[in-house]
Amino acid sequence: MVAPDVTFTDPMTSLSGVDSYRKNVDMLAGRTLMGKVLFEGAGINLHSVTGGEIVNGRVDDIVTRWTL
């Protein structure tokens, strides 16, 4: 489940909203034309996932560290 106001921020870009997040994931996965061109043969290495604790009845920020 993803919150409707999900945000994604890294040194190169910042996105907000489920639709923007989903489009970005599809591109990185090579499921769009641009993704196929830019990321052919690429891979993602996930280094860590932290956060996600329940704080005051809501899920706190989840932080991932990864390289492309």
PDB file of N, CA and C in Angstrom:
ATOM      1  N   MET A   1       0.846  -1.169   0.000  1.00  0.00           N
ATOM      2  CA  MET A   1       0.000   0.000   0.000  1.00  0.00           C
ATOM      3  C   MET A   1       0.894   1.235   0.000  1.00  0.00           C
ATOM      4  N   VAL A   2       0.554   2.188  -0.842  1.00  0.00           N
ATOM      5  CA  VAL A   2       1.314   3.429  -0.952  1.00  0.00           C
ATOM      6  C   VAL A   2       0.381   4.591  -0.659  1.00  0.00           C
ATOM      7  N   ALA A   3       0.856   5.512   0.170  1.00  0.00           N
ATOM      8  CA  ALA A   3       0.054   6.691   0.497  1.00  0.00           C
ATOM      9  C   ALA A   3      -0.149   7.538  -0.757  1.00  0.00           C
ATOM     10  N   PRO A   4      -1.333   8.123  -0.930  1.00  0.00           N
ATOM     11  CA  PRO A   4      -1.591   8.943  -2.113  1.00  0.00           C
ATOM     12  C   PRO A   4      -0.626  10.117  -2.256  1.00  0.00           C
ATOM     13  N   ASP A   5      -0.064  10.581  -1.138  1.00  0.00           N
ATOM     14  CA  ASP A   5       0.847  11.719  -1.190  1.00  0.00           C
ATOM     15  C   ASP A   5       2.311  11.288  -1.078  1.00  0.00           C
ATOM     16  N   VAL A   6       2.603  10.061  -1.532  1.00  0.00           N
ATOM     17  CA  VAL A   6       3.963   9.544  -1.481  1.00  0.00           C
ATOM     18  C   VAL A   6       4.916  10.525  -2.166  1.00  0.00           C
ATOM     19  N   THR A   7       6.114  10.662  -1.610  1.00  0.00           N
ATOM     20  CA  THR A   7       7.145  11.484  -2.243  1.00  0.00           C
ATOM     21  C   THR A   7       8.397  10.644  -2.430  1.00  0.00           C
ATOM     22  N   PHE A   8       9.136  10.977  -3.467  1.00  0.00           N
ATOM     23  CA  PHE A   8      10.397  10.326  -3.767  1.00  0.00           C
ATOM     24  C   PHE A   8      11.393  11.440  -4.042  1.00  0.00           C
ATOM     25  N   THR A   9      12.510  11.409  -3.331  1.00  0.00           N
ATOM     26  CA  THR A   9      13.514  12.449  -3.516  1.00  0.00           C
ATOM     27  C   THR A   9      14.888  11.796  -3.541  1.00  0.00           C
ATOM     28  N   ASP A  10      15.671  12.173  -4.528  1.00  0.00           N
ATOM     29  CA  ASP A  10      17.071  11.779  -4.561  1.00  0.00           C
ATOM     30  C   ASP A  10      17.861  12.949  -5.135  1.00  0.00           C
ATOM     31  N   PRO A  11      19.172  12.837  -5.264  1.00  0.00           N
ATOM     32  CA  PRO A  11      19.948  13.986  -5.748  1.00  0.00           C
ATOM     33  C   PRO A  11      19.598  14.451  -7.158  1.00  0.00           C
ATOM     34  N   MET A  12      18.943  13.601  -7.953  1.00  0.00           N
ATOM     35  CA  MET A  12      18.646  13.957  -9.345  1.00  0.00           C
ATOM     36  C   MET A  12      17.216  14.418  -9.585  1.00  0.00           C
ATOM     37  N   THR A  13      16.279  13.971  -8.773  1.00  0.00           N
ATOM     38  CA  THR A  13      14.867  14.264  -9.045  1.00  0.00           C
ATOM     39  C   THR A  13      14.035  14.233  -7.775  1.00  0.00           C
ATOM     40  N   SER A  14      12.855  14.786  -7.875  1.00  0.00           N
ATOM     41  CA  SER A  14      11.895  14.734  -6.774  1.00  0.00           C
ATOM     42  C   SER A  14      10.511  14.545  -7.389  1.00  0.00           C
ATOM     43  N   LEU A  15       9.769  13.573  -6.882  1.00  0.00           N
ATOM     44  CA  LEU A  15       8.444  13.251  -7.397  1.00  0.00           C
ATOM     45  C   LEU A  15       7.444  13.234  -6.259  1.00  0.00           C
ATOM     46  N   SER A  16       6.191  13.524  -6.562  1.00  0.00           N
ATOM     47  CA  SER A  16       5.147  13.365  -5.553  1.00  0.00           C
ATOM     48  C   SER A  16       3.902  12.794  -6.206  1.00  0.00           C
ATOM     49  N   GLY A  17       3.202  11.967  -5.445  1.00  0.00           N
ATOM     50  CA  GLY A  17       1.989  11.332  -5.941  1.00  0.00           C
ATOM     51  C   GLY A  17       2.245   9.940  -6.468  1.00  0.00           C
ATOM     52  N   VAL A  18       1.259   9.081  -6.324  1.00  0.00           N
ATOM     53  CA  VAL A  18       1.373   7.682  -6.721  1.00  0.00           C
ATOM     54  C   VAL A  18       1.634   7.539  -8.216  1.00  0.00           C
ATOM     55  N   ASP A  19       0.942   8.313  -9.044  1.00  0.00           N
ATOM     56  CA  ASP A  19       1.095   8.181 -10.493  1.00  0.00           C
ATOM     57  C   ASP A  19       2.522   8.521 -10.928  1.00  0.00           C
ATOM     58  N   SER A  20       3.073   9.604 -10.412  1.00  0.00           N
ATOM     59  CA  SER A  20       4.451   9.981 -10.756  1.00  0.00           C
ATOM     60  C   SER A  20       5.437   8.924 -10.287  1.00  0.00           C
ATOM     61  N   TYR A  21       5.224   8.410  -9.075  1.00  0.00           N
ATOM     62  CA  TYR A  21       6.097   7.378  -8.526  1.00  0.00           C
ATOM     63  C   TYR A  21       6.040   6.118  -9.391  1.00  0.00           C
ATOM     64  N   ARG A  22       4.838   5.691  -9.761  1.00  0.00           N
ATOM     65  CA  ARG A  22       4.658   4.484 -10.576  1.00  0.00           C
ATOM     66  C   ARG A  22       5.328   4.656 -11.948  1.00  0.00           C
ATOM     67  N   LYS A  23       5.159   5.823 -12.572  1.00  0.00           N
ATOM     68  CA  LYS A  23       5.795   6.067 -13.876  1.00  0.00           C
ATOM     69  C   LYS A  23       7.306   6.008 -13.769  1.00  0.00           C
ATOM     70  N   ASN A  24       7.867   6.538 -12.689  1.00  0.00           N
ATOM     71  CA  ASN A  24       9.311   6.508 -12.488  1.00  0.00           C
ATOM     72  C   ASN A  24       9.804   5.069 -12.310  1.00  0.00           C
ATOM     73  N   VAL A  25       9.091   4.284 -11.535  1.00  0.00           N
ATOM     74  CA  VAL A  25       9.466   2.880 -11.338  1.00  0.00           C
ATOM     75  C   VAL A  25       9.382   2.123 -12.664  1.00  0.00           C
ATOM     76  N   ASP A  26       8.332   2.372 -13.442  1.00  0.00           N
ATOM     77  CA  ASP A  26       8.200   1.719 -14.744  1.00  0.00           C
ATOM     78  C   ASP A  26       9.363   2.081 -15.662  1.00  0.00           C
ATOM     79  N   MET A  27       9.795   3.348 -15.642  1.00  0.00           N
ATOM     80  CA  MET A  27      10.918   3.773 -16.471  1.00  0.00           C
ATOM     81  C   MET A  27      12.199   3.068 -16.022  1.00  0.00           C
ATOM     82  N   LEU A  28      12.468   3.071 -14.713  1.00  0.00           N
ATOM     83  CA  LEU A  28      13.678   2.428 -14.209  1.00  0.00           C
ATOM     84  C   LEU A  28      13.692   0.931 -14.498  1.00  0.00           C
ATOM     85  N   ALA A  29      12.521   0.321 -14.537  1.00  0.00           N
ATOM     86  CA  ALA A  29      12.415  -1.116 -14.809  1.00  0.00           C
ATOM     87  C   ALA A  29      12.456  -1.425 -16.303  1.00  0.00           C
ATOM     88  N   GLY A  30      12.535  -0.392 -17.148  1.00  0.00           N
ATOM     89  CA  GLY A  30      12.578  -0.617 -18.587  1.00  0.00           C
ATOM     90  C   GLY A  30      11.235  -0.943 -19.200  1.00  0.00           C
ATOM     91  N   ARG A  31      10.151  -0.553 -18.530  1.00  0.00           N
ATOM     92  CA  ARG A  31       8.806  -0.836 -19.053  1.00  0.00           C
ATOM     93  C   ARG A  31       8.259   0.310 -19.897  1.00  0.00           C
ATOM     94  N   THR A  32       9.047   1.369 -20.096  1.00  0.00           N
ATOM     95  CA  THR A  32       8.650   2.459 -20.992  1.00  0.00           C
ATOM     96  C   THR A  32       9.700   2.559 -22.089  1.00  0.00           C
ATOM     97  N   LEU A  33       9.375   3.246 -23.180  1.00  0.00           N
ATOM     98  CA  LEU A  33      10.334   3.403 -24.278  1.00  0.00           C
ATOM     99  C   LEU A  33      11.605   4.090 -23.784  1.00  0.00           C
ATOM    100  N   MET A  34      11.442   5.178 -23.015  1.00  0.00           N
ATOM    101  CA  MET A  34      12.617   5.877 -22.498  1.00  0.00           C
ATOM    102  C   MET A  34      13.437   4.966 -21.589  1.00  0.00           C
ATOM    103  N   GLY A  35      12.762   4.210 -20.751  1.00  0.00           N
ATOM    104  CA  GLY A  35      13.463   3.290 -19.867  1.00  0.00           C
ATOM    105  C   GLY A  35      14.226   2.227 -20.621  1.00  0.00           C
ATOM    106  N   LYS A  36      13.634   1.727 -21.697  1.00  0.00           N
ATOM    107  CA  LYS A  36      14.306   0.712 -22.512  1.00  0.00           C
ATOM    108  C   LYS A  36      15.570   1.275 -23.138  1.00  0.00           C
ATOM    109  N   VAL A  37      15.519   2.530 -23.576  1.00  0.00           N
ATOM    110  CA  VAL A  37      16.682   3.154 -24.210  1.00  0.00           C
ATOM    111  C   VAL A  37      17.751   3.494 -23.173  1.00  0.00           C
ATOM    112  N   LEU A  38      17.346   4.135 -22.077  1.00  0.00           N
ATOM    113  CA  LEU A  38      18.304   4.630 -21.093  1.00  0.00           C
ATOM    114  C   LEU A  38      18.887   3.550 -20.188  1.00  0.00           C
ATOM    115  N   PHE A  39      18.078   2.539 -19.854  1.00  0.00           N
ATOM    116  CA  PHE A  39      18.496   1.590 -18.826  1.00  0.00           C
ATOM    117  C   PHE A  39      18.652   0.158 -19.323  1.00  0.00           C
ATOM    118  N   GLU A  40      18.815  -0.011 -20.634  1.00  0.00           N
ATOM    119  CA  GLU A  40      19.022  -1.354 -21.170  1.00  0.00           C
ATOM    120  C   GLU A  40      20.280  -1.958 -20.561  1.00  0.00           C
ATOM    121  N   GLY A  41      20.143  -3.117 -19.988  1.00  0.00           N
ATOM    122  CA  GLY A  41      21.275  -3.796 -19.382  1.00  0.00           C
ATOM    123  C   GLY A  41      21.654  -3.281 -18.002  1.00  0.00           C
ATOM    124  N   ALA A  42      20.919  -2.302 -17.485  1.00  0.00           N
ATOM    125  CA  ALA A  42      21.227  -1.749 -16.163  1.00  0.00           C
ATOM    126  C   ALA A  42      20.614  -2.613 -15.065  1.00  0.00           C
ATOM    127  N   GLY A  43      21.046  -2.380 -13.873  1.00  0.00           N
ATOM    128  CA  GLY A  43      20.490  -3.083 -12.722  1.00  0.00           C
ATOM    129  C   GLY A  43      20.505  -2.167 -11.511  1.00  0.00           C
ATOM    130  N   ILE A  44      19.706  -2.505 -10.525  1.00  0.00           N
ATOM    131  CA  ILE A  44      19.652  -1.740  -9.285  1.00  0.00           C
ATOM    132  C   ILE A  44      20.148  -2.634  -8.153  1.00  0.00           C
ATOM    133  N   ASN A  45      21.103  -2.124  -7.382  1.00  0.00           N
ATOM    134  CA  ASN A  45      21.586  -2.822  -6.194  1.00  0.00           C
ATOM    135  C   ASN A  45      21.028  -2.122  -4.971  1.00  0.00           C
ATOM    136  N   LEU A  46      20.200  -2.814  -4.215  1.00  0.00           N
ATOM    137  CA  LEU A  46      19.619  -2.269  -2.998  1.00  0.00           C
ATOM    138  C   LEU A  46      20.578  -2.536  -1.846  1.00  0.00           C
ATOM    139  N   HIS A  47      21.009  -1.453  -1.174  1.00  0.00           N
ATOM    140  CA  HIS A  47      21.978  -1.571  -0.086  1.00  0.00           C
ATOM    141  C   HIS A  47      21.306  -1.623   1.286  1.00  0.00           C
ATOM    142  N   SER A  48      20.257  -0.814   1.467  1.00  0.00           N
ATOM    143  CA  SER A  48      19.592  -0.823   2.774  1.00  0.00           C
ATOM    144  C   SER A  48      18.200  -0.217   2.675  1.00  0.00           C
ATOM    145  N   VAL A  49      17.357  -0.604   3.622  1.00  0.00           N
ATOM    146  CA  VAL A  49      16.020  -0.036   3.797  1.00  0.00           C
ATOM    147  C   VAL A  49      15.881   0.246   5.279  1.00  0.00           C
ATOM    148  N   THR A  50      15.586   1.492   5.638  1.00  0.00           N
ATOM    149  CA  THR A  50      15.411   1.851   7.043  1.00  0.00           C
ATOM    150  C   THR A  50      14.121   2.635   7.209  1.00  0.00           C
ATOM    151  N   GLY A  51      13.695   2.770   8.441  1.00  0.00           N
ATOM    152  CA  GLY A  51      12.477   3.521   8.734  1.00  0.00           C
ATOM    153  C   GLY A  51      11.259   2.630   8.645  1.00  0.00           C
ATOM    154  N   GLY A  52      10.118   3.265   8.415  1.00  0.00           N
ATOM    155  CA  GLY A  52       8.874   2.534   8.292  1.00  0.00           C
ATOM    156  C   GLY A  52       8.202   2.229   9.609  1.00  0.00           C
ATOM    157  N   GLU A  53       8.718   2.814  10.700  1.00  0.00           N
ATOM    158  CA  GLU A  53       8.101   2.589  11.998  1.00  0.00           C
ATOM    159  C   GLU A  53       6.738   3.267  12.073  1.00  0.00           C
ATOM    160  N   ILE A  54       5.862   2.736  12.889  1.00  0.00           N
ATOM    161  CA  ILE A  54       4.563   3.362  13.128  1.00  0.00           C
ATOM    162  C   ILE A  54       4.760   4.456  14.177  1.00  0.00           C
ATOM    163  N   VAL A  55       4.461   5.696  13.800  1.00  0.00           N
ATOM    164  CA  VAL A  55       4.599   6.844  14.696  1.00  0.00           C
ATOM    165  C   VAL A  55       3.276   7.597  14.695  1.00  0.00           C
ATOM    166  N   ASN A  56       2.651   7.687  15.864  1.00  0.00           N
ATOM    167  CA  ASN A  56       1.366   8.387  15.993  1.00  0.00           C
ATOM    168  C   ASN A  56       0.325   7.877  14.996  1.00  0.00           C
ATOM    169  N   GLY A  57       0.292   6.560  14.808  1.00  0.00           N
ATOM    170  CA  GLY A  57      -0.731   5.966  13.960  1.00  0.00           C
ATOM    171  C   GLY A  57      -0.460   6.012  12.478  1.00  0.00           C
ATOM    172  N   ARG A  58       0.726   6.458  12.066  1.00  0.00           N
ATOM    173  CA  ARG A  58       1.062   6.462  10.635  1.00  0.00           C
ATOM    174  C   ARG A  58       2.459   5.917  10.431  1.00  0.00           C
ATOM    175  N   VAL A  59       2.716   5.459   9.218  1.00  0.00           N
ATOM    176  CA  VAL A  59       4.025   4.901   8.898  1.00  0.00           C
ATOM    177  C   VAL A  59       4.995   6.049   8.648  1.00  0.00           C
ATOM    178  N   ASP A  60       6.112   6.030   9.372  1.00  0.00           N
ATOM    179  CA  ASP A  60       7.147   7.049   9.213  1.00  0.00           C
ATOM    180  C   ASP A  60       7.872   6.845   7.878  1.00  0.00           C
ATOM    181  N   ASP A  61       8.682   7.804   7.501  1.00  0.00           N
ATOM    182  CA  ASP A  61       9.417   7.741   6.242  1.00  0.00           C
ATOM    183  C   ASP A  61      10.203   6.438   6.118  1.00  0.00           C
ATOM    184  N   ILE A  62      10.239   5.926   4.908  1.00  0.00           N
ATOM    185  CA  ILE A  62      11.065   4.780   4.571  1.00  0.00           C
ATOM    186  C   ILE A  62      12.186   5.292   3.684  1.00  0.00           C
ATOM    187  N   VAL A  63      13.426   4.978   4.047  1.00  0.00           N
ATOM    188  CA  VAL A  63      14.589   5.445   3.304  1.00  0.00           C
ATOM    189  C   VAL A  63      15.297   4.243   2.712  1.00  0.00           C
ATOM    190  N   THR A  64      15.544   4.302   1.407  1.00  0.00           N
ATOM    191  CA  THR A  64      16.294   3.238   0.753  1.00  0.00           C
ATOM    192  C   THR A  64      17.600   3.807   0.233  1.00  0.00           C
ATOM    193  N   ARG A  65      18.617   2.997   0.244  1.00  0.00           N
ATOM    194  CA  ARG A  65      19.917   3.348  -0.329  1.00  0.00           C
ATOM    195  C   ARG A  65      20.204   2.323  -1.419  1.00  0.00           C
ATOM    196  N   TRP A  66      20.438   2.828  -2.627  1.00  0.00           N
ATOM    197  CA  TRP A  66      20.648   1.934  -3.747  1.00  0.00           C
ATOM    198  C   TRP A  66      21.526   2.596  -4.803  1.00  0.00           C
ATOM    199  N   THR A  67      22.097   1.803  -5.666  1.00  0.00           N
ATOM    200  CA  THR A  67      22.857   2.311  -6.808  1.00  0.00           C
ATOM    201  C   THR A  67      22.294   1.690  -8.082  1.00  0.00           C
ATOM    202  N   LEU A  68      22.387   2.459  -9.136  1.00  0.00           N
ATOM    203  CA  LEU A  68      21.898   2.037 -10.448  1.00  0.00           C
ATOM    204  C   LEU A  68      23.075   1.603 -11.280  1.00  0.00           C
TER     205      LEU A  68
END
